[in-house]
Amino acid sequence: MNIEWTEGAIKKATEKVNGQNGYLTLKYDTDGCGCVVSGVTALWFADDVEQNSERIETNYLPVYIEKSKMIFMDDVMKIDFVPDANSFQLKSPNGMLNPRMSFFDRTAG
């Protein structure tokens, strides 16, 4: 799997991380979606990595993805940031995976 961050996404994620220690997870969240195939991707910044997560090296910080959720991701993805929408986007050569991807800071600090 290959994940590339755009320059704008790196800048915004760096602001949000704000020098804190932690891990970035590309979370496939199914809470409230009704079924596992109706999940929504989000970026989580947390103190720990969830069990059974795979580390994906990127051109920014490594990103962790729960192994059982990797089936819902594409092999090549790009994380972008759109200032007008004030949100991240997850794209692949196959199309838009999430045009308004949230960033959640789940660290204790």
N, C-alpha and C. Protein backbone atom coordinates (compact mmCIF):
# COMPACT_ATOMS: atom_id res chain seq x y z
N MET A 1 0.85 -1.18 0.00
CA MET A 1 0.00 0.00 0.00
C MET A 1 0.89 1.23 0.00
N ASN A 2 0.47 2.23 -0.76
CA ASN A 2 1.22 3.47 -0.90
C ASN A 2 0.30 4.64 -0.55
N ILE A 3 0.72 5.46 0.42
CA ILE A 3 -0.03 6.66 0.80
C ILE A 3 0.89 7.85 0.63
N GLU A 4 0.44 8.83 -0.13
CA GLU A 4 1.20 10.06 -0.34
C GLU A 4 0.42 11.24 0.23
N TRP A 5 1.12 12.12 0.94
CA TRP A 5 0.53 13.35 1.46
C TRP A 5 0.88 14.48 0.52
N THR A 6 -0.08 15.37 0.23
CA THR A 6 0.24 16.57 -0.53
C THR A 6 0.91 17.57 0.40
N GLU A 7 1.53 18.57 -0.18
CA GLU A 7 2.19 19.62 0.62
C GLU A 7 1.20 20.31 1.56
N GLY A 8 0.00 20.59 1.06
CA GLY A 8 -1.02 21.24 1.89
C GLY A 8 -1.48 20.37 3.04
N ALA A 9 -1.60 19.07 2.80
CA ALA A 9 -2.01 18.14 3.86
C ALA A 9 -0.92 18.01 4.92
N ILE A 10 0.33 17.98 4.49
CA ILE A 10 1.45 17.90 5.44
C ILE A 10 1.45 19.15 6.33
N LYS A 11 1.27 20.30 5.72
CA LYS A 11 1.27 21.56 6.48
C LYS A 11 0.14 21.56 7.52
N LYS A 12 -1.06 21.19 7.11
CA LYS A 12 -2.20 21.21 8.03
C LYS A 12 -2.06 20.14 9.12
N ALA A 13 -1.62 18.95 8.76
CA ALA A 13 -1.45 17.89 9.75
C ALA A 13 -0.37 18.27 10.76
N THR A 14 0.70 18.92 10.29
CA THR A 14 1.77 19.37 11.19
C THR A 14 1.22 20.39 12.19
N GLU A 15 0.36 21.29 11.74
CA GLU A 15 -0.29 22.25 12.64
C GLU A 15 -1.12 21.53 13.69
N LYS A 16 -1.88 20.52 13.26
CA LYS A 16 -2.77 19.81 14.17
C LYS A 16 -2.00 18.95 15.17
N VAL A 17 -0.93 18.31 14.71
CA VAL A 17 -0.10 17.49 15.60
C VAL A 17 0.63 18.39 16.60
N ASN A 18 1.05 19.57 16.15
CA ASN A 18 1.62 20.59 17.00
C ASN A 18 2.77 20.09 17.87
N GLY A 19 3.65 19.26 17.30
CA GLY A 19 4.83 18.78 18.01
C GLY A 19 4.57 17.71 19.05
N GLN A 20 3.34 17.26 19.19
CA GLN A 20 3.02 16.23 20.18
C GLN A 20 3.54 14.87 19.72
N ASN A 21 3.80 13.98 20.67
CA ASN A 21 4.11 12.60 20.34
C ASN A 21 2.82 11.86 20.12
N GLY A 22 2.80 10.98 19.15
CA GLY A 22 1.61 10.20 18.88
C GLY A 22 1.72 9.50 17.54
N TYR A 23 0.62 8.87 17.15
CA TYR A 23 0.58 8.07 15.94
C TYR A 23 -0.63 8.47 15.11
N LEU A 24 -0.43 8.51 13.79
CA LEU A 24 -1.53 8.79 12.87
C LEU A 24 -2.14 7.47 12.40
N THR A 25 -3.45 7.37 12.49
CA THR A 25 -4.17 6.20 12.03
C THR A 25 -5.19 6.63 10.99
N LEU A 26 -5.22 5.91 9.89
CA LEU A 26 -6.29 6.08 8.92
C LEU A 26 -7.37 5.10 9.35
N LYS A 27 -8.36 5.64 10.03
CA LYS A 27 -9.39 4.83 10.67
C LYS A 27 -10.57 4.65 9.73
N TYR A 28 -11.03 3.43 9.61
CA TYR A 28 -12.25 3.14 8.86
C TYR A 28 -13.33 2.96 9.92
N ASP A 29 -14.07 4.01 10.16
CA ASP A 29 -15.04 4.08 11.25
C ASP A 29 -16.41 3.62 10.77
N THR A 30 -16.98 2.62 11.45
CA THR A 30 -18.29 2.10 11.07
C THR A 30 -19.36 2.43 12.10
N ASP A 31 -19.00 3.13 13.19
CA ASP A 31 -19.99 3.46 14.22
C ASP A 31 -21.10 4.31 13.62
N GLY A 32 -22.32 3.87 13.83
CA GLY A 32 -23.49 4.60 13.35
C GLY A 32 -23.75 4.48 11.86
N CYS A 33 -22.97 3.65 11.16
CA CYS A 33 -23.13 3.52 9.71
C CYS A 33 -24.09 2.38 9.33
N GLY A 34 -24.42 1.52 10.27
CA GLY A 34 -25.37 0.46 10.00
C GLY A 34 -24.74 -0.85 9.58
N CYS A 35 -23.63 -0.80 8.87
CA CYS A 35 -22.98 -2.03 8.44
C CYS A 35 -21.53 -1.75 8.12
N VAL A 36 -20.70 -2.77 8.21
CA VAL A 36 -19.25 -2.59 8.08
C VAL A 36 -18.84 -2.06 6.70
N VAL A 37 -19.60 -2.34 5.66
CA VAL A 37 -19.22 -1.85 4.33
C VAL A 37 -19.64 -0.41 4.10
N SER A 38 -20.29 0.21 5.08
CA SER A 38 -20.73 1.60 4.96
C SER A 38 -19.91 2.52 5.85
N GLY A 39 -18.64 2.20 6.05
CA GLY A 39 -17.80 3.01 6.93
C GLY A 39 -17.32 4.29 6.29
N VAL A 40 -16.73 5.13 7.12
CA VAL A 40 -16.19 6.42 6.70
C VAL A 40 -14.75 6.51 7.20
N THR A 41 -13.85 6.94 6.34
CA THR A 41 -12.46 7.10 6.75
C THR A 41 -12.26 8.41 7.49
N ALA A 42 -11.36 8.38 8.46
CA ALA A 42 -10.99 9.58 9.22
C ALA A 42 -9.55 9.44 9.65
N LEU A 43 -8.90 10.55 9.90
CA LEU A 43 -7.55 10.54 10.46
C LEU A 43 -7.65 10.69 11.97
N TRP A 44 -7.00 9.79 12.67
CA TRP A 44 -6.94 9.87 14.13
C TRP A 44 -5.48 10.05 14.52
N PHE A 45 -5.25 10.98 15.45
CA PHE A 45 -3.94 11.15 16.05
C PHE A 45 -4.09 10.73 17.50
N ALA A 46 -3.37 9.67 17.90
CA ALA A 46 -3.58 9.08 19.22
C ALA A 46 -2.26 8.73 19.89
N ASP A 47 -2.34 8.47 21.20
CA ASP A 47 -1.17 8.11 21.98
C ASP A 47 -0.65 6.72 21.64
N ASP A 48 -1.55 5.82 21.26
CA ASP A 48 -1.19 4.43 21.00
C ASP A 48 -1.73 3.98 19.65
N VAL A 49 -1.16 2.90 19.17
CA VAL A 49 -1.63 2.26 17.95
C VAL A 49 -2.54 1.10 18.35
N GLU A 50 -3.66 0.97 17.66
CA GLU A 50 -4.57 -0.13 17.95
C GLU A 50 -3.93 -1.46 17.58
N GLN A 51 -4.31 -2.51 18.29
CA GLN A 51 -3.80 -3.84 17.99
C GLN A 51 -4.15 -4.21 16.56
N ASN A 52 -3.34 -5.07 15.98
CA ASN A 52 -3.56 -5.57 14.62
C ASN A 52 -3.56 -4.48 13.56
N SER A 53 -2.72 -3.47 13.78
CA SER A 53 -2.59 -2.40 12.79
C SER A 53 -1.30 -2.58 12.01
N GLU A 54 -1.35 -2.19 10.76
CA GLU A 54 -0.19 -2.25 9.89
C GLU A 54 0.38 -0.86 9.71
N ARG A 55 1.69 -0.74 9.81
CA ARG A 55 2.37 0.53 9.62
C ARG A 55 2.64 0.73 8.13
N ILE A 56 2.21 1.88 7.61
CA ILE A 56 2.42 2.22 6.20
C ILE A 56 3.34 3.44 6.17
N GLU A 57 4.50 3.28 5.55
CA GLU A 57 5.42 4.40 5.41
C GLU A 57 4.86 5.36 4.36
N THR A 58 5.01 6.66 4.60
CA THR A 58 4.53 7.67 3.67
C THR A 58 5.63 8.71 3.46
N ASN A 59 5.34 9.73 2.68
CA ASN A 59 6.29 10.82 2.49
C ASN A 59 6.20 11.85 3.63
N TYR A 60 5.43 11.54 4.65
CA TYR A 60 5.29 12.38 5.85
C TYR A 60 5.51 11.47 7.05
N LEU A 61 4.57 11.38 7.93
CA LEU A 61 4.65 10.46 9.07
C LEU A 61 4.07 9.11 8.66
N PRO A 62 4.50 8.03 9.32
CA PRO A 62 3.86 6.75 9.02
C PRO A 62 2.39 6.79 9.42
N VAL A 63 1.59 6.03 8.71
CA VAL A 63 0.16 5.94 8.98
C VAL A 63 -0.16 4.49 9.31
N TYR A 64 -0.96 4.28 10.33
CA TYR A 64 -1.36 2.93 10.73
C TYR A 64 -2.79 2.67 10.27
N ILE A 65 -3.02 1.45 9.80
CA ILE A 65 -4.35 1.03 9.35
C ILE A 65 -4.63 -0.34 9.96
N GLU A 66 -5.81 -0.49 10.55
CA GLU A 66 -6.21 -1.78 11.09
C GLU A 66 -6.23 -2.80 9.95
N LYS A 67 -5.52 -3.92 10.14
CA LYS A 67 -5.36 -4.90 9.07
C LYS A 67 -6.70 -5.37 8.50
N SER A 68 -7.69 -5.60 9.34
CA SER A 68 -8.98 -6.11 8.87
C SER A 68 -9.76 -5.07 8.05
N LYS A 69 -9.36 -3.80 8.14
CA LYS A 69 -10.05 -2.73 7.40
C LYS A 69 -9.32 -2.36 6.11
N MET A 70 -8.16 -2.95 5.89
CA MET A 70 -7.39 -2.60 4.69
C MET A 70 -8.12 -2.98 3.40
N ILE A 71 -9.02 -3.93 3.49
CA ILE A 71 -9.79 -4.35 2.32
C ILE A 71 -10.65 -3.20 1.77
N PHE A 72 -10.98 -2.23 2.62
CA PHE A 72 -11.81 -1.10 2.21
C PHE A 72 -10.98 0.06 1.65
N MET A 73 -9.67 -0.10 1.62
CA MET A 73 -8.76 0.94 1.13
C MET A 73 -8.23 0.54 -0.24
N ASP A 74 -7.74 1.50 -0.99
CA ASP A 74 -7.09 1.22 -2.27
C ASP A 74 -5.59 1.06 -2.05
N ASP A 75 -4.92 0.42 -3.00
CA ASP A 75 -3.48 0.19 -2.88
C ASP A 75 -2.68 1.48 -2.98
N VAL A 76 -3.18 2.45 -3.72
CA VAL A 76 -2.51 3.74 -3.88
C VAL A 76 -3.51 4.82 -3.47
N MET A 77 -3.11 5.64 -2.47
CA MET A 77 -4.01 6.69 -1.98
C MET A 77 -3.22 7.98 -1.76
N LYS A 78 -3.94 9.08 -1.79
CA LYS A 78 -3.34 10.39 -1.56
C LYS A 78 -4.20 11.11 -0.52
N ILE A 79 -3.52 11.73 0.46
CA ILE A 79 -4.20 12.56 1.44
C ILE A 79 -3.92 14.01 1.09
N ASP A 80 -4.99 14.77 0.90
CA ASP A 80 -4.89 16.18 0.52
C ASP A 80 -5.63 17.01 1.56
N PHE A 81 -5.43 18.31 1.54
CA PHE A 81 -6.18 19.22 2.39
C PHE A 81 -6.75 20.33 1.51
N VAL A 82 -8.04 20.61 1.70
CA VAL A 82 -8.72 21.65 0.93
C VAL A 82 -9.10 22.78 1.88
N PRO A 83 -8.39 23.92 1.81
CA PRO A 83 -8.65 25.03 2.72
C PRO A 83 -10.10 25.54 2.67
N ASP A 84 -10.67 25.63 1.47
CA ASP A 84 -12.05 26.14 1.34
C ASP A 84 -13.06 25.29 2.11
N ALA A 85 -12.82 23.99 2.18
CA ALA A 85 -13.71 23.09 2.91
C ALA A 85 -13.19 22.84 4.33
N ASN A 86 -11.98 23.31 4.62
CA ASN A 86 -11.31 23.10 5.90
C ASN A 86 -11.34 21.61 6.29
N SER A 87 -11.01 20.76 5.31
CA SER A 87 -11.02 19.32 5.59
C SER A 87 -9.99 18.61 4.72
N PHE A 88 -9.62 17.44 5.20
CA PHE A 88 -8.74 16.57 4.45
C PHE A 88 -9.57 15.81 3.43
N GLN A 89 -8.89 15.29 2.42
CA GLN A 89 -9.53 14.43 1.43
C GLN A 89 -8.67 13.18 1.25
N LEU A 90 -9.35 12.06 1.03
CA LEU A 90 -8.67 10.82 0.72
C LEU A 90 -9.05 10.44 -0.70
N LYS A 91 -8.02 10.36 -1.57
CA LYS A 91 -8.23 10.09 -2.98
C LYS A 91 -7.44 8.87 -3.41
N SER A 92 -7.85 8.28 -4.51
CA SER A 92 -7.08 7.22 -5.14
C SER A 92 -7.22 7.39 -6.65
N PRO A 93 -6.43 6.66 -7.43
CA PRO A 93 -6.61 6.73 -8.88
C PRO A 93 -8.02 6.28 -9.31
N ASN A 94 -8.71 5.54 -8.46
CA ASN A 94 -10.06 5.08 -8.77
C ASN A 94 -11.13 6.11 -8.43
N GLY A 95 -10.75 7.20 -7.77
CA GLY A 95 -11.71 8.25 -7.43
C GLY A 95 -11.59 8.71 -6.00
N MET A 96 -12.55 9.50 -5.58
CA MET A 96 -12.58 10.08 -4.25
C MET A 96 -13.07 9.03 -3.25
N LEU A 97 -12.31 8.81 -2.19
CA LEU A 97 -12.71 7.88 -1.14
C LEU A 97 -13.43 8.60 0.00
N ASN A 98 -12.98 9.82 0.31
CA ASN A 98 -13.68 10.65 1.29
C ASN A 98 -13.34 12.11 1.01
N PRO A 99 -14.31 12.89 0.50
CA PRO A 99 -14.03 14.29 0.14
C PRO A 99 -13.95 15.23 1.34
N ARG A 100 -14.43 14.80 2.52
CA ARG A 100 -14.39 15.63 3.73
C ARG A 100 -13.97 14.77 4.92
N MET A 101 -12.72 14.38 4.91
CA MET A 101 -12.19 13.50 5.93
C MET A 101 -11.80 14.30 7.17
N SER A 102 -12.33 13.89 8.29
CA SER A 102 -12.07 14.57 9.57
C SER A 102 -10.72 14.16 10.14
N PHE A 103 -10.19 15.03 11.00
CA PHE A 103 -8.96 14.77 11.75
C PHE A 103 -9.32 14.87 13.22
N PHE A 104 -9.14 13.78 13.97
CA PHE A 104 -9.48 13.75 15.39
C PHE A 104 -8.21 13.61 16.22
N ASP A 105 -8.03 14.50 17.16
CA ASP A 105 -6.92 14.40 18.11
C ASP A 105 -7.41 13.60 19.31
N ARG A 106 -6.93 12.38 19.42
CA ARG A 106 -7.35 11.48 20.51
C ARG A 106 -6.24 11.28 21.52
N THR A 107 -5.31 12.23 21.57
CA THR A 107 -4.23 12.14 22.56
C THR A 107 -4.72 12.67 23.91
N ALA A 108 -4.05 12.25 24.95
CA ALA A 108 -4.41 12.68 26.30
C ALA A 108 -4.03 14.15 26.53
N GLY A 109 -3.04 14.63 25.77
CA GLY A 109 -2.54 15.99 25.97
C GLY A 109 -3.31 16.93 25.21
